[in-house]
Amino acid sequence: MTNSVEVDAYIAALPEERATVLATLRQFIHDTVPGLTETMSYRMPTFESTDIVFSMASQKNYMALYVCGIDVL
């Protein structure tokens, strides 16, 4: 699978309300920081340039956005 296909599959496997939120967040990341590459890392969608900039995940009791690139804040 290609990276974005893996991210598509990850989001599609979620309950509808979580899928909607993470799909919206995914689009926001692409719109806000263009040029990032989508990958799956640590079993979660990640967005990277030379290093991981963002990761997002649907955890058991919450959804998370991990900001790893200080310069994008």
N, C-alpha and C. Protein backbone atom coordinates (compact mmCIF):
# COMPACT_ATOMS: atom_id res chain seq x y z
N MET A 1 0.83 -1.19 0.00
CA MET A 1 0.00 0.00 0.00
C MET A 1 0.88 1.25 0.00
N THR A 2 0.40 2.28 -0.66
CA THR A 2 1.10 3.55 -0.57
C THR A 2 0.71 4.23 0.73
N ASN A 3 1.50 5.20 1.12
CA ASN A 3 1.29 5.84 2.41
C ASN A 3 -0.09 6.47 2.56
N SER A 4 -0.54 7.24 1.57
CA SER A 4 -1.85 7.89 1.72
C SER A 4 -2.98 6.85 1.68
N VAL A 5 -2.78 5.73 0.99
CA VAL A 5 -3.78 4.67 1.01
C VAL A 5 -3.87 4.06 2.40
N GLU A 6 -2.73 3.91 3.07
CA GLU A 6 -2.72 3.40 4.44
C GLU A 6 -3.44 4.37 5.38
N VAL A 7 -3.22 5.67 5.20
CA VAL A 7 -3.90 6.66 6.03
C VAL A 7 -5.39 6.64 5.73
N ASP A 8 -5.77 6.53 4.46
CA ASP A 8 -7.18 6.40 4.09
C ASP A 8 -7.81 5.21 4.80
N ALA A 9 -7.13 4.06 4.79
CA ALA A 9 -7.64 2.85 5.42
C ALA A 9 -7.77 3.03 6.93
N TYR A 10 -6.79 3.69 7.54
CA TYR A 10 -6.83 3.95 8.99
C TYR A 10 -8.08 4.75 9.34
N ILE A 11 -8.31 5.83 8.60
CA ILE A 11 -9.45 6.70 8.88
C ILE A 11 -10.77 5.98 8.58
N ALA A 12 -10.82 5.22 7.49
CA ALA A 12 -12.04 4.50 7.12
C ALA A 12 -12.44 3.45 8.15
N ALA A 13 -11.49 2.93 8.89
CA ALA A 13 -11.78 1.89 9.88
C ALA A 13 -12.33 2.45 11.19
N LEU A 14 -12.33 3.77 11.33
CA LEU A 14 -12.79 4.40 12.57
C LEU A 14 -14.31 4.57 12.57
N PRO A 15 -14.90 4.70 13.76
CA PRO A 15 -16.32 5.08 13.82
C PRO A 15 -16.51 6.42 13.11
N GLU A 16 -17.68 6.62 12.55
CA GLU A 16 -17.94 7.78 11.68
C GLU A 16 -17.57 9.12 12.32
N GLU A 17 -17.94 9.33 13.58
CA GLU A 17 -17.66 10.63 14.20
C GLU A 17 -16.16 10.88 14.36
N ARG A 18 -15.40 9.85 14.65
CA ARG A 18 -13.93 10.00 14.76
C ARG A 18 -13.31 10.14 13.37
N ALA A 19 -13.81 9.40 12.41
CA ALA A 19 -13.30 9.49 11.04
C ALA A 19 -13.48 10.90 10.50
N THR A 20 -14.63 11.49 10.77
CA THR A 20 -14.90 12.86 10.31
C THR A 20 -13.91 13.85 10.91
N VAL A 21 -13.69 13.74 12.20
CA VAL A 21 -12.76 14.66 12.88
C VAL A 21 -11.34 14.49 12.35
N LEU A 22 -10.86 13.27 12.25
CA LEU A 22 -9.47 13.06 11.81
C LEU A 22 -9.30 13.39 10.33
N ALA A 23 -10.32 13.16 9.51
CA ALA A 23 -10.24 13.55 8.09
C ALA A 23 -10.17 15.07 7.96
N THR A 24 -10.93 15.78 8.80
CA THR A 24 -10.89 17.25 8.80
C THR A 24 -9.53 17.74 9.26
N LEU A 25 -9.00 17.13 10.31
CA LEU A 25 -7.67 17.50 10.81
C LEU A 25 -6.60 17.23 9.75
N ARG A 26 -6.71 16.11 9.07
CA ARG A 26 -5.77 15.75 8.00
C ARG A 26 -5.76 16.83 6.92
N GLN A 27 -6.95 17.26 6.48
CA GLN A 27 -7.04 18.30 5.46
C GLN A 27 -6.48 19.62 5.96
N PHE A 28 -6.77 19.95 7.22
CA PHE A 28 -6.24 21.18 7.82
C PHE A 28 -4.71 21.18 7.82
N ILE A 29 -4.11 20.06 8.17
CA ILE A 29 -2.64 19.96 8.18
C ILE A 29 -2.10 20.18 6.77
N HIS A 30 -2.70 19.53 5.78
CA HIS A 30 -2.23 19.70 4.41
C HIS A 30 -2.41 21.13 3.91
N ASP A 31 -3.51 21.78 4.30
CA ASP A 31 -3.75 23.16 3.88
C ASP A 31 -2.82 24.15 4.57
N THR A 32 -2.50 23.89 5.84
CA THR A 32 -1.72 24.81 6.65
C THR A 32 -0.22 24.68 6.41
N VAL A 33 0.25 23.46 6.25
CA VAL A 33 1.68 23.21 6.04
C VAL A 33 1.83 22.37 4.77
N PRO A 34 1.74 23.01 3.61
CA PRO A 34 1.82 22.26 2.36
C PRO A 34 3.20 21.61 2.18
N GLY A 35 3.21 20.51 1.46
CA GLY A 35 4.47 19.86 1.15
C GLY A 35 4.87 18.75 2.10
N LEU A 36 4.08 18.51 3.14
CA LEU A 36 4.38 17.41 4.05
C LEU A 36 4.01 16.09 3.40
N THR A 37 4.75 15.07 3.71
CA THR A 37 4.49 13.73 3.21
C THR A 37 3.74 12.93 4.26
N GLU A 38 2.68 12.25 3.84
CA GLU A 38 1.92 11.39 4.75
C GLU A 38 2.58 10.03 4.83
N THR A 39 2.69 9.52 6.03
CA THR A 39 3.19 8.17 6.24
C THR A 39 2.42 7.55 7.39
N MET A 40 2.61 6.28 7.59
CA MET A 40 2.12 5.61 8.80
C MET A 40 3.37 5.29 9.61
N SER A 41 3.41 5.78 10.82
CA SER A 41 4.55 5.53 11.70
C SER A 41 3.99 5.28 13.10
N TYR A 42 4.52 4.28 13.76
CA TYR A 42 4.01 3.90 15.08
C TYR A 42 2.51 3.60 15.02
N ARG A 43 2.05 3.08 13.91
CA ARG A 43 0.66 2.71 13.65
C ARG A 43 -0.30 3.89 13.72
N MET A 44 0.19 5.08 13.39
CA MET A 44 -0.68 6.25 13.31
C MET A 44 -0.26 7.11 12.13
N PRO A 45 -1.21 7.85 11.56
CA PRO A 45 -0.88 8.75 10.47
C PRO A 45 0.12 9.81 10.94
N THR A 46 1.14 10.00 10.15
CA THR A 46 2.13 11.03 10.45
C THR A 46 2.33 11.91 9.22
N PHE A 47 2.80 13.09 9.46
CA PHE A 47 3.05 14.06 8.41
C PHE A 47 4.48 14.55 8.63
N GLU A 48 5.31 14.39 7.62
CA GLU A 48 6.72 14.70 7.83
C GLU A 48 7.33 15.42 6.65
N SER A 49 8.44 16.09 6.94
CA SER A 49 9.29 16.67 5.89
C SER A 49 10.61 15.92 6.01
N THR A 50 11.55 16.39 6.81
CA THR A 50 12.76 15.61 7.06
C THR A 50 12.60 14.76 8.32
N ASP A 51 11.78 15.23 9.24
CA ASP A 51 11.42 14.50 10.46
C ASP A 51 9.91 14.56 10.61
N ILE A 52 9.38 13.83 11.56
CA ILE A 52 7.95 13.87 11.81
C ILE A 52 7.58 15.26 12.34
N VAL A 53 6.57 15.87 11.73
CA VAL A 53 6.09 17.18 12.15
C VAL A 53 4.82 17.02 12.99
N PHE A 54 3.89 16.18 12.53
CA PHE A 54 2.64 15.91 13.23
C PHE A 54 2.36 14.42 13.18
N SER A 55 1.68 13.93 14.18
CA SER A 55 1.05 12.62 14.16
C SER A 55 -0.34 12.79 14.74
N MET A 56 -1.25 11.92 14.34
CA MET A 56 -2.59 11.96 14.91
C MET A 56 -3.04 10.53 15.13
N ALA A 57 -3.93 10.36 16.11
CA ALA A 57 -4.37 9.00 16.42
C ALA A 57 -5.73 9.01 17.09
N SER A 58 -6.43 7.91 16.88
CA SER A 58 -7.67 7.66 17.60
C SER A 58 -7.32 6.67 18.70
N GLN A 59 -7.22 7.16 19.91
CA GLN A 59 -6.88 6.31 21.05
C GLN A 59 -8.18 5.74 21.64
N LYS A 60 -8.06 4.92 22.64
CA LYS A 60 -9.25 4.27 23.21
C LYS A 60 -10.29 5.27 23.70
N ASN A 61 -9.86 6.28 24.44
CA ASN A 61 -10.80 7.22 25.05
C ASN A 61 -10.68 8.65 24.54
N TYR A 62 -9.85 8.88 23.55
CA TYR A 62 -9.67 10.24 23.04
C TYR A 62 -8.99 10.19 21.68
N MET A 63 -9.00 11.33 21.01
CA MET A 63 -8.25 11.50 19.77
C MET A 63 -7.09 12.43 20.09
N ALA A 64 -5.97 12.22 19.43
CA ALA A 64 -4.78 13.00 19.77
C ALA A 64 -4.12 13.59 18.53
N LEU A 65 -3.59 14.78 18.71
CA LEU A 65 -2.72 15.41 17.73
C LEU A 65 -1.38 15.61 18.42
N TYR A 66 -0.35 15.00 17.87
CA TYR A 66 0.99 15.13 18.43
C TYR A 66 1.76 16.10 17.55
N VAL A 67 2.20 17.21 18.13
CA VAL A 67 2.97 18.21 17.40
C VAL A 67 4.43 17.99 17.73
N CYS A 68 5.19 17.55 16.75
CA CYS A 68 6.59 17.22 16.97
C CYS A 68 7.52 18.28 16.39
N GLY A 69 7.00 19.15 15.56
CA GLY A 69 7.79 20.21 14.95
C GLY A 69 7.53 21.52 15.63
N ILE A 70 8.41 21.92 16.52
CA ILE A 70 8.23 23.15 17.29
C ILE A 70 8.08 24.37 16.38
N ASP A 71 8.80 24.41 15.27
CA ASP A 71 8.79 25.58 14.39
C ASP A 71 7.42 25.81 13.74
N VAL A 72 6.55 24.81 13.66
CA VAL A 72 5.24 25.01 13.05
C VAL A 72 4.23 25.59 14.03
N LEU A 73 4.55 25.60 15.31
CA LEU A 73 3.63 26.20 16.27
C LEU A 73 3.58 27.70 16.08
